[in-house]
Amino acid sequence: MKILKYFLIVILLLTTIFLAIGFFIPSISYETEVTVDKSAAEAWAVMSDESKLSQWIKGFKKTELVSGEINTVGAVSNIYVEEQGRDMIMKETITAIKPNEQMAMNFWMDFMNMDYELNLNENEGKTKITTKTTTEGNGVFAKSLVAFMKSTMKLQEDQNLSNLKKLINSNTTNYFEAEQLDTTSIEQINQ
């Protein structure tokens, strides 16, 4: 009987410590950075190409616009991803956007909320891509669990940006062909 009593005390103590961690660490933050050998405009184009999202975002399946206009502040989309064999839906709201420079979003899931900011900074033909993520669990249990997930979440973001870097550096799609044609047409008209 004493063993059962001690076992229950240990379980109670561990549960209390686990829940206290969520109280003292209600959110986590981490940053990731890569540099690509392309312009910010090309990096932005590749990153924004919906047909290529699954090539750099682990588990990405599709996005579905719920309200607003695509790639504008206030636009809300459902993002469908597969995580450990299960389908998940995240609600994404764009909170800031400046093409070729910055995009910020809020992701909401039953379990947690995530504020995500991506910045591009071009210098001498190379572009530094930096992300900053702040995540908070929804509820006491979720807050505690998120506190333990920081290294896993950071590792996943590192992998996503590494995939994005490879995708951008190997890009052969000319996203600016229409712009070049327009410029050529205007020059021909002016002659």
N, C-alpha and C. Protein backbone atom coordinates (compact mmCIF):
# COMPACT_ATOMS: atom_id res chain seq x y z
N MET A 1 0.82 -1.19 0.00
CA MET A 1 0.00 0.00 0.00
C MET A 1 0.87 1.26 0.00
N LYS A 2 2.01 1.20 0.73
CA LYS A 2 2.90 2.35 0.77
C LYS A 2 3.45 2.67 -0.61
N ILE A 3 3.74 1.61 -1.39
CA ILE A 3 4.28 1.82 -2.73
C ILE A 3 3.26 2.56 -3.59
N LEU A 4 2.01 2.19 -3.51
CA LEU A 4 0.96 2.86 -4.27
C LEU A 4 0.83 4.32 -3.83
N LYS A 5 0.92 4.55 -2.52
CA LYS A 5 0.84 5.91 -1.99
C LYS A 5 1.99 6.77 -2.52
N TYR A 6 3.22 6.23 -2.48
CA TYR A 6 4.38 6.97 -2.99
C TYR A 6 4.28 7.19 -4.51
N PHE A 7 3.79 6.18 -5.18
CA PHE A 7 3.61 6.29 -6.63
C PHE A 7 2.64 7.42 -6.97
N LEU A 8 1.52 7.49 -6.27
CA LEU A 8 0.54 8.55 -6.49
C LEU A 8 1.10 9.93 -6.15
N ILE A 9 1.90 10.02 -5.10
CA ILE A 9 2.53 11.29 -4.71
C ILE A 9 3.50 11.74 -5.81
N VAL A 10 4.29 10.81 -6.34
CA VAL A 10 5.23 11.13 -7.41
C VAL A 10 4.48 11.59 -8.66
N ILE A 11 3.41 10.88 -9.02
CA ILE A 11 2.60 11.27 -10.18
C ILE A 11 2.00 12.66 -9.98
N LEU A 12 1.47 12.91 -8.81
CA LEU A 12 0.90 14.23 -8.49
C LEU A 12 1.97 15.32 -8.56
N LEU A 13 3.13 15.03 -8.02
CA LEU A 13 4.23 15.99 -8.04
C LEU A 13 4.68 16.28 -9.47
N LEU A 14 4.85 15.23 -10.28
CA LEU A 14 5.26 15.42 -11.68
C LEU A 14 4.21 16.19 -12.48
N THR A 15 2.94 15.91 -12.23
CA THR A 15 1.86 16.63 -12.91
C THR A 15 1.88 18.09 -12.52
N THR A 16 2.08 18.38 -11.26
CA THR A 16 2.15 19.77 -10.77
C THR A 16 3.32 20.51 -11.41
N ILE A 17 4.47 19.85 -11.47
CA ILE A 17 5.66 20.47 -12.09
C ILE A 17 5.39 20.72 -13.57
N PHE A 18 4.82 19.73 -14.26
CA PHE A 18 4.51 19.88 -15.69
C PHE A 18 3.59 21.07 -15.94
N LEU A 19 2.53 21.19 -15.17
CA LEU A 19 1.58 22.29 -15.34
C LEU A 19 2.20 23.63 -14.94
N ALA A 20 3.08 23.63 -13.95
CA ALA A 20 3.75 24.87 -13.52
C ALA A 20 4.67 25.40 -14.61
N ILE A 21 5.27 24.50 -15.37
CA ILE A 21 6.14 24.94 -16.48
C ILE A 21 5.34 25.79 -17.45
N GLY A 22 4.13 25.39 -17.77
CA GLY A 22 3.27 26.17 -18.67
C GLY A 22 2.91 27.52 -18.08
N PHE A 23 2.83 27.59 -16.78
CA PHE A 23 2.53 28.86 -16.12
C PHE A 23 3.73 29.81 -16.21
N PHE A 24 4.93 29.28 -16.00
CA PHE A 24 6.13 30.10 -16.01
C PHE A 24 6.69 30.35 -17.42
N ILE A 25 6.38 29.45 -18.34
CA ILE A 25 6.82 29.61 -19.74
C ILE A 25 5.57 29.51 -20.62
N PRO A 26 4.74 30.57 -20.68
CA PRO A 26 3.49 30.49 -21.42
C PRO A 26 3.65 30.49 -22.94
N SER A 27 4.82 30.95 -23.44
CA SER A 27 5.05 30.94 -24.88
C SER A 27 6.53 30.70 -25.16
N ILE A 28 6.80 30.27 -26.38
CA ILE A 28 8.18 30.06 -26.81
C ILE A 28 8.44 30.87 -28.07
N SER A 29 9.68 31.25 -28.28
CA SER A 29 10.07 31.98 -29.49
C SER A 29 11.37 31.39 -30.01
N TYR A 30 11.50 31.42 -31.33
CA TYR A 30 12.74 30.97 -31.95
C TYR A 30 12.87 31.64 -33.31
N GLU A 31 14.11 31.73 -33.79
CA GLU A 31 14.41 32.34 -35.08
C GLU A 31 15.23 31.39 -35.92
N THR A 32 15.08 31.52 -37.23
CA THR A 32 15.84 30.73 -38.18
C THR A 32 16.25 31.63 -39.33
N GLU A 33 17.40 31.32 -39.93
CA GLU A 33 17.93 32.18 -40.99
C GLU A 33 18.68 31.34 -42.02
N VAL A 34 18.47 31.69 -43.30
CA VAL A 34 19.24 31.11 -44.39
C VAL A 34 19.57 32.23 -45.37
N THR A 35 20.60 32.03 -46.19
CA THR A 35 20.93 32.98 -47.24
C THR A 35 20.90 32.24 -48.56
N VAL A 36 20.23 32.84 -49.55
CA VAL A 36 20.12 32.23 -50.88
C VAL A 36 20.88 33.08 -51.90
N ASP A 37 21.26 32.45 -52.99
CA ASP A 37 22.05 33.12 -54.02
C ASP A 37 21.16 33.72 -55.11
N LYS A 38 20.04 34.27 -54.72
CA LYS A 38 19.08 34.87 -55.66
C LYS A 38 18.61 36.20 -55.11
N SER A 39 17.96 36.97 -55.97
CA SER A 39 17.41 38.27 -55.54
C SER A 39 16.22 38.05 -54.62
N ALA A 40 15.88 39.09 -53.88
CA ALA A 40 14.71 39.02 -53.00
C ALA A 40 13.44 38.80 -53.82
N ALA A 41 13.36 39.41 -55.00
CA ALA A 41 12.17 39.26 -55.85
C ALA A 41 12.00 37.81 -56.28
N GLU A 42 13.09 37.15 -56.67
CA GLU A 42 13.00 35.75 -57.08
C GLU A 42 12.72 34.84 -55.88
N ALA A 43 13.37 35.12 -54.76
CA ALA A 43 13.13 34.34 -53.54
C ALA A 43 11.66 34.44 -53.14
N TRP A 44 11.11 35.66 -53.20
CA TRP A 44 9.71 35.88 -52.87
C TRP A 44 8.79 35.12 -53.82
N ALA A 45 9.11 35.17 -55.11
CA ALA A 45 8.29 34.49 -56.12
C ALA A 45 8.26 32.99 -55.89
N VAL A 46 9.42 32.40 -55.64
CA VAL A 46 9.48 30.95 -55.40
C VAL A 46 8.74 30.60 -54.12
N MET A 47 8.99 31.36 -53.06
CA MET A 47 8.36 31.12 -51.77
C MET A 47 6.84 31.23 -51.87
N SER A 48 6.35 32.14 -52.71
CA SER A 48 4.91 32.40 -52.82
C SER A 48 4.21 31.49 -53.82
N ASP A 49 4.97 30.74 -54.59
CA ASP A 49 4.40 29.87 -55.62
C ASP A 49 3.69 28.70 -54.94
N GLU A 50 2.37 28.74 -54.98
CA GLU A 50 1.56 27.74 -54.27
C GLU A 50 1.85 26.33 -54.76
N SER A 51 2.21 26.17 -56.02
CA SER A 51 2.51 24.83 -56.55
C SER A 51 3.79 24.26 -55.96
N LYS A 52 4.61 25.09 -55.30
CA LYS A 52 5.88 24.63 -54.74
C LYS A 52 5.88 24.56 -53.20
N LEU A 53 4.78 24.93 -52.57
CA LEU A 53 4.75 24.95 -51.11
C LEU A 53 5.04 23.59 -50.49
N SER A 54 4.53 22.52 -51.11
CA SER A 54 4.76 21.18 -50.54
C SER A 54 6.21 20.75 -50.68
N GLN A 55 6.98 21.44 -51.52
CA GLN A 55 8.39 21.08 -51.70
C GLN A 55 9.27 21.64 -50.59
N TRP A 56 8.73 22.60 -49.81
CA TRP A 56 9.58 23.13 -48.73
C TRP A 56 8.90 23.15 -47.37
N ILE A 57 7.59 23.05 -47.30
CA ILE A 57 6.89 23.02 -46.02
C ILE A 57 6.48 21.58 -45.73
N LYS A 58 7.06 21.01 -44.69
CA LYS A 58 6.79 19.61 -44.36
C LYS A 58 5.31 19.38 -44.10
N GLY A 59 4.76 18.38 -44.79
CA GLY A 59 3.38 17.98 -44.57
C GLY A 59 2.34 18.83 -45.27
N PHE A 60 2.76 19.89 -45.99
CA PHE A 60 1.78 20.78 -46.63
C PHE A 60 0.98 20.02 -47.67
N LYS A 61 -0.35 20.22 -47.63
CA LYS A 61 -1.24 19.59 -48.61
C LYS A 61 -1.89 20.62 -49.53
N LYS A 62 -2.55 21.61 -48.92
CA LYS A 62 -3.21 22.63 -49.74
C LYS A 62 -3.60 23.82 -48.88
N THR A 63 -3.95 24.90 -49.56
CA THR A 63 -4.46 26.09 -48.88
C THR A 63 -5.80 26.44 -49.51
N GLU A 64 -6.69 26.97 -48.69
CA GLU A 64 -8.04 27.29 -49.14
C GLU A 64 -8.43 28.66 -48.59
N LEU A 65 -8.61 29.64 -49.48
CA LEU A 65 -8.97 30.99 -49.07
C LEU A 65 -10.37 30.98 -48.45
N VAL A 66 -10.49 31.57 -47.25
CA VAL A 66 -11.77 31.63 -46.54
C VAL A 66 -12.39 33.01 -46.72
N SER A 67 -11.56 34.06 -46.58
CA SER A 67 -12.07 35.42 -46.77
C SER A 67 -10.93 36.35 -47.16
N GLY A 68 -11.29 37.49 -47.76
CA GLY A 68 -10.29 38.46 -48.18
C GLY A 68 -9.71 38.10 -49.54
N GLU A 69 -8.66 38.82 -49.91
CA GLU A 69 -7.98 38.57 -51.18
C GLU A 69 -6.63 37.94 -50.90
N ILE A 70 -6.24 37.01 -51.75
CA ILE A 70 -4.97 36.30 -51.58
C ILE A 70 -3.83 37.30 -51.43
N ASN A 71 -2.94 37.00 -50.49
CA ASN A 71 -1.73 37.80 -50.23
C ASN A 71 -2.02 39.27 -49.92
N THR A 72 -3.06 39.50 -49.13
CA THR A 72 -3.35 40.86 -48.64
C THR A 72 -3.57 40.79 -47.13
N VAL A 73 -3.30 41.89 -46.46
CA VAL A 73 -3.52 41.94 -45.01
C VAL A 73 -4.98 41.65 -44.72
N GLY A 74 -5.20 40.78 -43.77
CA GLY A 74 -6.56 40.41 -43.37
C GLY A 74 -7.07 39.16 -44.05
N ALA A 75 -6.40 38.69 -45.10
CA ALA A 75 -6.83 37.47 -45.78
C ALA A 75 -6.75 36.29 -44.82
N VAL A 76 -7.80 35.47 -44.83
CA VAL A 76 -7.86 34.30 -43.95
C VAL A 76 -7.94 33.06 -44.84
N SER A 77 -7.09 32.08 -44.54
CA SER A 77 -7.07 30.83 -45.30
C SER A 77 -7.00 29.65 -44.34
N ASN A 78 -7.52 28.53 -44.79
CA ASN A 78 -7.32 27.27 -44.09
C ASN A 78 -6.13 26.59 -44.74
N ILE A 79 -5.17 26.19 -43.92
CA ILE A 79 -3.98 25.51 -44.39
C ILE A 79 -4.09 24.05 -43.95
N TYR A 80 -4.03 23.14 -44.91
CA TYR A 80 -4.16 21.72 -44.62
C TYR A 80 -2.77 21.09 -44.63
N VAL A 81 -2.40 20.44 -43.54
CA VAL A 81 -1.11 19.77 -43.42
C VAL A 81 -1.31 18.38 -42.83
N GLU A 82 -0.33 17.54 -43.09
CA GLU A 82 -0.33 16.21 -42.48
C GLU A 82 0.79 16.18 -41.45
N GLU A 83 0.45 15.83 -40.23
CA GLU A 83 1.42 15.77 -39.14
C GLU A 83 1.34 14.40 -38.50
N GLN A 84 2.39 13.63 -38.60
CA GLN A 84 2.47 12.28 -38.04
C GLN A 84 1.29 11.41 -38.47
N GLY A 85 0.98 11.46 -39.76
CA GLY A 85 -0.08 10.63 -40.33
C GLY A 85 -1.48 11.14 -40.11
N ARG A 86 -1.63 12.28 -39.44
CA ARG A 86 -2.97 12.84 -39.21
C ARG A 86 -3.11 14.15 -39.96
N ASP A 87 -4.29 14.38 -40.52
CA ASP A 87 -4.57 15.64 -41.20
C ASP A 87 -4.93 16.70 -40.18
N MET A 88 -4.36 17.89 -40.36
CA MET A 88 -4.64 19.02 -39.48
C MET A 88 -5.02 20.22 -40.33
N ILE A 89 -5.84 21.09 -39.76
CA ILE A 89 -6.20 22.34 -40.41
C ILE A 89 -5.76 23.48 -39.50
N MET A 90 -5.02 24.43 -40.09
CA MET A 90 -4.63 25.63 -39.37
C MET A 90 -5.31 26.81 -40.05
N LYS A 91 -5.79 27.73 -39.27
CA LYS A 91 -6.36 28.96 -39.83
C LYS A 91 -5.26 30.01 -39.85
N GLU A 92 -4.98 30.53 -41.04
CA GLU A 92 -3.93 31.53 -41.23
C GLU A 92 -4.56 32.88 -41.52
N THR A 93 -4.10 33.91 -40.82
CA THR A 93 -4.51 35.28 -41.10
C THR A 93 -3.26 36.09 -41.39
N ILE A 94 -3.22 36.74 -42.53
CA ILE A 94 -2.07 37.59 -42.88
C ILE A 94 -2.20 38.89 -42.09
N THR A 95 -1.15 39.22 -41.34
CA THR A 95 -1.18 40.42 -40.50
C THR A 95 -0.31 41.55 -41.06
N ALA A 96 0.62 41.21 -41.96
CA ALA A 96 1.45 42.23 -42.61
C ALA A 96 2.02 41.62 -43.88
N ILE A 97 2.14 42.45 -44.91
CA ILE A 97 2.75 41.97 -46.15
C ILE A 97 3.37 43.14 -46.90
N LYS A 98 4.60 42.94 -47.31
CA LYS A 98 5.33 43.91 -48.11
C LYS A 98 6.12 43.07 -49.12
N PRO A 99 5.59 42.91 -50.34
CA PRO A 99 6.23 42.01 -51.32
C PRO A 99 7.74 42.22 -51.41
N ASN A 100 8.44 41.12 -51.50
CA ASN A 100 9.90 41.05 -51.61
C ASN A 100 10.62 41.44 -50.33
N GLU A 101 9.87 41.75 -49.25
CA GLU A 101 10.51 42.16 -48.01
C GLU A 101 10.00 41.43 -46.77
N GLN A 102 8.68 41.37 -46.60
CA GLN A 102 8.16 40.84 -45.34
C GLN A 102 6.76 40.27 -45.49
N MET A 103 6.51 39.22 -44.71
CA MET A 103 5.15 38.68 -44.56
C MET A 103 5.01 38.21 -43.12
N ALA A 104 3.93 38.59 -42.48
CA ALA A 104 3.65 38.15 -41.12
C ALA A 104 2.26 37.53 -41.09
N MET A 105 2.14 36.46 -40.32
CA MET A 105 0.89 35.72 -40.26
C MET A 105 0.64 35.23 -38.85
N ASN A 106 -0.62 35.00 -38.57
CA ASN A 106 -1.02 34.36 -37.32
C ASN A 106 -1.67 33.04 -37.72
N PHE A 107 -1.23 31.97 -37.08
CA PHE A 107 -1.84 30.66 -37.30
C PHE A 107 -2.58 30.27 -36.03
N TRP A 108 -3.80 29.76 -36.21
CA TRP A 108 -4.59 29.32 -35.07
C TRP A 108 -4.95 27.86 -35.27
N MET A 109 -4.75 27.07 -34.22
CA MET A 109 -5.16 25.68 -34.18
C MET A 109 -5.85 25.46 -32.84
N ASP A 110 -6.58 24.40 -32.70
CA ASP A 110 -7.24 24.11 -31.42
C ASP A 110 -6.22 24.09 -30.29
N PHE A 111 -5.06 23.56 -30.56
CA PHE A 111 -4.05 23.31 -29.54
C PHE A 111 -3.19 24.53 -29.22
N MET A 112 -2.89 25.35 -30.26
CA MET A 112 -1.98 26.48 -30.04
C MET A 112 -2.17 27.57 -31.08
N ASN A 113 -1.61 28.75 -30.77
CA ASN A 113 -1.55 29.89 -31.69
C ASN A 113 -0.10 30.16 -32.00
N MET A 114 0.15 30.62 -33.22
CA MET A 114 1.52 30.88 -33.64
C MET A 114 1.57 32.20 -34.41
N ASP A 115 2.46 33.10 -33.99
CA ASP A 115 2.75 34.32 -34.74
C ASP A 115 4.03 34.07 -35.51
N TYR A 116 3.99 34.28 -36.82
CA TYR A 116 5.10 33.94 -37.70
C TYR A 116 5.44 35.15 -38.56
N GLU A 117 6.71 35.50 -38.59
CA GLU A 117 7.16 36.62 -39.41
C GLU A 117 8.33 36.18 -40.26
N LEU A 118 8.27 36.49 -41.55
CA LEU A 118 9.33 36.15 -42.48
C LEU A 118 9.83 37.44 -43.12
N ASN A 119 11.15 37.65 -43.08
CA ASN A 119 11.76 38.86 -43.66
C ASN A 119 12.80 38.47 -44.67
N LEU A 120 12.87 39.24 -45.77
CA LEU A 120 13.89 39.06 -46.79
C LEU A 120 14.73 40.32 -46.85
N ASN A 121 16.05 40.14 -46.90
CA ASN A 121 16.96 41.28 -46.94
C ASN A 121 18.01 40.99 -48.01
N GLU A 122 17.93 41.71 -49.13
CA GLU A 122 18.85 41.49 -50.25
C GLU A 122 20.09 42.35 -50.11
N ASN A 123 21.25 41.73 -50.43
CA ASN A 123 22.52 42.45 -50.39
C ASN A 123 23.45 41.80 -51.42
N GLU A 124 23.85 42.59 -52.41
CA GLU A 124 24.79 42.14 -53.45
C GLU A 124 24.34 40.85 -54.13
N GLY A 125 23.09 40.78 -54.52
CA GLY A 125 22.57 39.63 -55.26
C GLY A 125 22.22 38.42 -54.44
N LYS A 126 22.45 38.47 -53.14
CA LYS A 126 22.06 37.38 -52.25
C LYS A 126 20.96 37.89 -51.33
N THR A 127 20.16 36.97 -50.86
CA THR A 127 19.04 37.35 -49.99
C THR A 127 19.06 36.54 -48.71
N LYS A 128 19.05 37.25 -47.59
CA LYS A 128 18.96 36.60 -46.28
C LYS A 128 17.47 36.48 -45.95
N ILE A 129 17.04 35.27 -45.64
CA ILE A 129 15.65 35.00 -45.24
C ILE A 129 15.67 34.66 -43.76
N THR A 130 14.93 35.44 -42.98
CA THR A 130 14.88 35.25 -41.54
C THR A 130 13.43 35.03 -41.12
N THR A 131 13.21 34.04 -40.27
CA THR A 131 11.87 33.84 -39.72
C THR A 131 11.94 33.95 -38.21
N LYS A 132 10.87 34.48 -37.65
CA LYS A 132 10.73 34.54 -36.20
C LYS A 132 9.34 34.00 -35.86
N THR A 133 9.31 33.08 -34.93
CA THR A 133 8.07 32.42 -34.55
C THR A 133 7.88 32.52 -33.05
N THR A 134 6.66 32.87 -32.64
CA THR A 134 6.26 32.85 -31.23
C THR A 134 5.02 31.98 -31.14
N THR A 135 5.08 30.98 -30.28
CA THR A 135 3.99 30.02 -30.15
C THR A 135 3.51 29.96 -28.71
N GLU A 136 2.20 29.90 -28.56
CA GLU A 136 1.59 29.80 -27.23
C GLU A 136 0.50 28.74 -27.26
N GLY A 137 0.52 27.87 -26.29
CA GLY A 137 -0.50 26.84 -26.19
C GLY A 137 -1.83 27.43 -25.74
N ASN A 138 -2.91 26.80 -26.17
CA ASN A 138 -4.25 27.21 -25.76
C ASN A 138 -4.69 26.34 -24.58
N GLY A 139 -4.55 26.86 -23.38
CA GLY A 139 -4.89 26.12 -22.18
C GLY A 139 -3.64 25.74 -21.40
N VAL A 140 -3.84 25.42 -20.15
CA VAL A 140 -2.72 25.13 -19.23
C VAL A 140 -1.90 23.93 -19.71
N PHE A 141 -2.56 22.85 -20.06
CA PHE A 141 -1.85 21.65 -20.52
C PHE A 141 -1.07 21.94 -21.79
N ALA A 142 -1.72 22.63 -22.76
CA ALA A 142 -1.08 22.94 -24.04
C ALA A 142 0.12 23.87 -23.85
N LYS A 143 0.01 24.85 -22.95
CA LYS A 143 1.14 25.75 -22.68
C LYS A 143 2.35 24.96 -22.19
N SER A 144 2.12 24.01 -21.30
CA SER A 144 3.21 23.19 -20.78
C SER A 144 3.81 22.32 -21.87
N LEU A 145 2.96 21.73 -22.68
CA LEU A 145 3.45 20.86 -23.75
C LEU A 145 4.26 21.66 -24.77
N VAL A 146 3.78 22.85 -25.14
CA VAL A 146 4.49 23.70 -26.09
C VAL A 146 5.87 24.07 -25.55
N ALA A 147 5.99 24.31 -24.25
CA ALA A 147 7.28 24.63 -23.66
C ALA A 147 8.29 23.50 -23.90
N PHE A 148 7.82 22.25 -23.91
CA PHE A 148 8.70 21.11 -24.16
C PHE A 148 8.95 20.87 -25.64
N MET A 149 8.16 21.49 -26.51
CA MET A 149 8.26 21.26 -27.95
C MET A 149 9.17 22.25 -28.67
N LYS A 150 9.75 23.19 -27.97
CA LYS A 150 10.52 24.25 -28.63
C LYS A 150 11.60 23.70 -29.55
N SER A 151 12.40 22.77 -29.09
CA SER A 151 13.50 22.27 -29.93
C SER A 151 12.97 21.53 -31.16
N THR A 152 11.88 20.81 -31.01
CA THR A 152 11.27 20.10 -32.13
C THR A 152 10.72 21.08 -33.16
N MET A 153 10.06 22.12 -32.68
CA MET A 153 9.48 23.12 -33.59
C MET A 153 10.59 23.91 -34.30
N LYS A 154 11.63 24.25 -33.58
CA LYS A 154 12.76 24.97 -34.18
C LYS A 154 13.44 24.09 -35.23
N LEU A 155 13.63 22.83 -34.93
CA LEU A 155 14.24 21.90 -35.87
C LEU A 155 13.40 21.80 -37.15
N GLN A 156 12.07 21.78 -37.00
CA GLN A 156 11.19 21.71 -38.17
C GLN A 156 11.31 22.97 -39.02
N GLU A 157 11.37 24.13 -38.38
CA GLU A 157 11.51 25.38 -39.12
C GLU A 157 12.87 25.44 -39.81
N ASP A 158 13.92 24.97 -39.14
CA ASP A 158 15.25 24.90 -39.77
C ASP A 158 15.19 24.05 -41.04
N GLN A 159 14.50 22.92 -40.95
CA GLN A 159 14.39 22.01 -42.11
C GLN A 159 13.58 22.66 -43.22
N ASN A 160 12.45 23.31 -42.87
CA ASN A 160 11.64 23.98 -43.88
C ASN A 160 12.46 25.04 -44.63
N LEU A 161 13.21 25.86 -43.89
CA LEU A 161 14.00 26.91 -44.54
C LEU A 161 15.16 26.32 -45.34
N SER A 162 15.72 25.23 -44.88
CA SER A 162 16.77 24.55 -45.65
C SER A 162 16.19 24.06 -46.98
N ASN A 163 14.99 23.49 -46.93
CA ASN A 163 14.30 23.05 -48.15
C ASN A 163 14.01 24.24 -49.06
N LEU A 164 13.57 25.35 -48.47
CA LEU A 164 13.28 26.55 -49.26
C LEU A 164 14.55 27.07 -49.93
N LYS A 165 15.65 27.07 -49.20
CA LYS A 165 16.92 27.52 -49.76
C LYS A 165 17.30 26.70 -50.99
N LYS A 166 17.22 25.37 -50.88
CA LYS A 166 17.53 24.50 -52.01
C LYS A 166 16.61 24.79 -53.19
N LEU A 167 15.33 24.97 -52.89
CA LEU A 167 14.33 25.23 -53.94
C LEU A 167 14.62 26.55 -54.65
N ILE A 168 14.91 27.59 -53.90
CA ILE A 168 15.19 28.90 -54.50
C ILE A 168 16.49 28.85 -55.31
N ASN A 169 17.54 28.28 -54.73
CA ASN A 169 18.84 28.25 -55.42
C ASN A 169 18.80 27.41 -56.69
N SER A 170 17.91 26.43 -56.76
CA SER A 170 17.81 25.59 -57.96
C SER A 170 16.68 26.03 -58.89
N ASN A 171 16.06 27.16 -58.60
CA ASN A 171 14.92 27.63 -59.39
C ASN A 171 15.31 27.90 -60.84
N THR A 172 14.49 27.40 -61.77
CA THR A 172 14.67 27.69 -63.19
C THR A 172 13.43 28.35 -63.80
N THR A 173 12.39 28.53 -62.99
CA THR A 173 11.17 29.18 -63.47
C THR A 173 11.41 30.68 -63.60
N ASN A 174 11.02 31.24 -64.75
CA ASN A 174 11.15 32.69 -64.95
C ASN A 174 9.83 33.33 -64.53
N TYR A 175 9.79 33.83 -63.32
CA TYR A 175 8.57 34.46 -62.80
C TYR A 175 8.37 35.86 -63.36
N PHE A 176 9.35 36.38 -64.06
CA PHE A 176 9.31 37.78 -64.49
C PHE A 176 9.21 37.91 -66.01
N GLU A 177 8.93 36.83 -66.71
CA GLU A 177 8.84 36.85 -68.16
C GLU A 177 7.79 37.84 -68.65
N ALA A 178 6.63 37.88 -68.03
CA ALA A 178 5.56 38.80 -68.44
C ALA A 178 6.03 40.24 -68.27
N GLU A 179 6.75 40.52 -67.20
CA GLU A 179 7.26 41.88 -66.99
C GLU A 179 8.26 42.25 -68.08
N GLN A 180 9.11 41.30 -68.47
CA GLN A 180 10.08 41.57 -69.52
C GLN A 180 9.40 41.81 -70.85
N LEU A 181 8.35 41.03 -71.13
CA LEU A 181 7.59 41.23 -72.37
C LEU A 181 6.93 42.59 -72.38
N ASP A 182 6.34 43.00 -71.26
CA ASP A 182 5.70 44.32 -71.17
C ASP A 182 6.71 45.42 -71.42
N THR A 183 7.89 45.33 -70.85
CA THR A 183 8.93 46.33 -71.03
C THR A 183 9.38 46.37 -72.47
N THR A 184 9.55 45.20 -73.10
CA THR A 184 9.95 45.14 -74.50
C THR A 184 8.88 45.76 -75.39
N SER A 185 7.62 45.48 -75.12
CA SER A 185 6.52 46.04 -75.91
C SER A 185 6.48 47.55 -75.79
N ILE A 186 6.68 48.08 -74.60
CA ILE A 186 6.68 49.53 -74.40
C ILE A 186 7.84 50.17 -75.15
N GLU A 187 9.01 49.52 -75.10
CA GLU A 187 10.18 50.06 -75.82
C GLU A 187 9.94 50.06 -77.32
N GLN A 188 9.27 49.03 -77.86
CA GLN A 188 8.99 48.96 -79.29
C GLN A 188 7.99 50.03 -79.69
N ILE A 189 7.02 50.31 -78.85
CA ILE A 189 6.02 51.34 -79.14
C ILE A 189 6.68 52.71 -79.16
N ASN A 190 7.60 52.95 -78.24
CA ASN A 190 8.26 54.26 -78.15
C ASN A 190 9.20 54.52 -79.32
N GLN A 191 9.60 53.51 -80.07
CA GLN A 191 10.54 53.72 -81.16
C GLN A 191 9.86 54.19 -82.38
